[in-house]
Amino acid sequence: MILQMAPALLAPRLDGNPSFPRRILQRFLQHELSWPLQMGTNASHKLPEDWENQCEKAFFRLVYVINREKIHLTLWINADHT
C-alpha cells in the first residue's frame, strides 16, 4: 500500500539511507494498524514422549487415505517432509 500511495517514503536518499526510518514505519504498522510483524519460526526443542507412536499412526492414516481415495503417486507432494 505504501509503495502505491507514497513510494517516496521507502525510496533511499542520495546517501543510501532510507528517507523514512524503517523502525518508525514498523512501529506505525504494529501499533496504529495492529499489523503483526513477521516473525521467523523456531525449531522444536522437545519431542513428545510418544513421538514414535504418533509418527506411526500418522503414517498409517496417510496410507489409508491414499488407498481409500486412490490418490495417484504423481500427486504425492512433500510426503517425505510430513
Protein backbone atom coordinates (compact mmCIF):
# COMPACT_ATOMS: atom_id res chain seq x y z
CA MET A 1 0.00 0.00 0.00
CA ILE A 2 2.83 2.39 0.86
CA LEU A 3 4.57 1.61 -2.42
CA GLN A 4 1.41 2.58 -4.30
CA MET A 5 0.32 5.59 -2.25
CA ALA A 6 3.63 7.15 -1.15
CA PRO A 7 6.63 5.37 -2.70
CA ALA A 8 8.93 8.27 -1.77
CA LEU A 9 8.71 7.21 1.89
CA LEU A 10 10.57 4.00 1.12
CA ALA A 11 12.94 5.33 -1.55
CA PRO A 12 16.55 5.69 -0.43
CA ARG A 13 18.11 9.13 -0.18
CA LEU A 14 21.26 10.07 -2.07
CA ASP A 15 23.40 8.95 0.88
CA GLY A 16 21.83 5.46 0.71
CA ASN A 17 19.81 5.72 3.91
CA PRO A 18 16.03 5.32 3.72
CA SER A 19 14.14 8.59 3.67
CA PHE A 20 11.74 7.21 6.27
CA PRO A 21 13.40 5.21 9.07
CA ARG A 22 12.36 1.56 8.99
CA ARG A 23 11.91 1.42 12.78
CA ILE A 24 9.33 4.23 12.72
CA LEU A 25 7.48 2.51 9.88
CA GLN A 26 7.47 -0.80 11.83
CA ARG A 27 6.12 0.90 14.95
CA PHE A 28 3.38 2.61 12.95
CA LEU A 29 2.30 -0.63 11.28
CA GLN A 30 2.37 -2.53 14.55
CA HIS A 31 0.77 -0.02 16.93
CA GLU A 32 -1.53 2.08 14.75
CA LEU A 33 -2.69 -0.52 12.24
CA SER A 34 -2.30 -3.55 14.53
CA TRP A 35 -0.39 -5.40 11.82
CA PRO A 36 1.84 -8.09 13.30
CA LEU A 37 5.43 -8.12 12.19
CA GLN A 38 6.54 -11.31 10.52
CA MET A 39 8.48 -13.49 12.87
CA GLY A 40 10.75 -16.36 12.00
CA THR A 41 9.82 -19.81 13.17
CA ASN A 42 11.82 -21.65 15.79
CA ALA A 43 12.74 -25.28 15.66
CA SER A 44 11.04 -27.50 18.17
CA HIS A 45 13.18 -28.19 21.19
CA LYS A 46 11.27 -31.09 22.65
CA LEU A 47 9.69 -34.18 21.21
CA PRO A 48 6.67 -35.70 22.90
CA GLU A 49 7.39 -38.89 24.81
CA ASP A 50 5.25 -40.94 22.41
CA TRP A 51 6.61 -39.39 19.21
CA GLU A 52 7.33 -42.77 17.65
CA ASN A 53 3.74 -43.88 18.18
CA GLN A 54 2.40 -40.59 16.78
CA CYS A 55 4.58 -40.90 13.67
CA GLU A 56 3.44 -44.46 13.10
CA LYS A 57 -0.22 -43.51 13.48
CA ALA A 58 0.22 -40.57 11.09
CA PHE A 59 1.90 -42.86 8.57
CA PHE A 60 -0.97 -45.38 8.67
CA ARG A 61 -3.56 -42.59 8.38
CA LEU A 62 -1.73 -41.31 5.30
CA VAL A 63 -1.57 -44.79 3.75
CA TYR A 64 -5.27 -45.34 4.48
CA VAL A 65 -6.38 -42.05 2.88
CA ILE A 66 -4.16 -42.55 -0.17
CA ASN A 67 -5.58 -46.04 -0.66
CA ARG A 68 -9.21 -45.09 0.05
CA GLU A 69 -9.16 -42.03 -2.23
CA LYS A 70 -6.99 -43.76 -4.87
CA ILE A 71 -4.56 -40.87 -4.97
CA HIS A 72 -2.08 -41.28 -7.83
CA LEU A 73 1.62 -41.42 -6.99
CA THR A 74 2.31 -38.25 -9.03
CA LEU A 75 0.04 -36.27 -6.71
CA TRP A 76 2.02 -37.05 -3.55
CA ILE A 77 3.71 -33.75 -2.78
CA ASN A 78 6.24 -33.29 0.06
CA ALA A 79 5.23 -36.61 1.64
CA ASP A 80 8.83 -37.01 2.79
CA HIS A 81 8.59 -33.74 4.77
CA THR A 82 5.49 -34.68 6.70
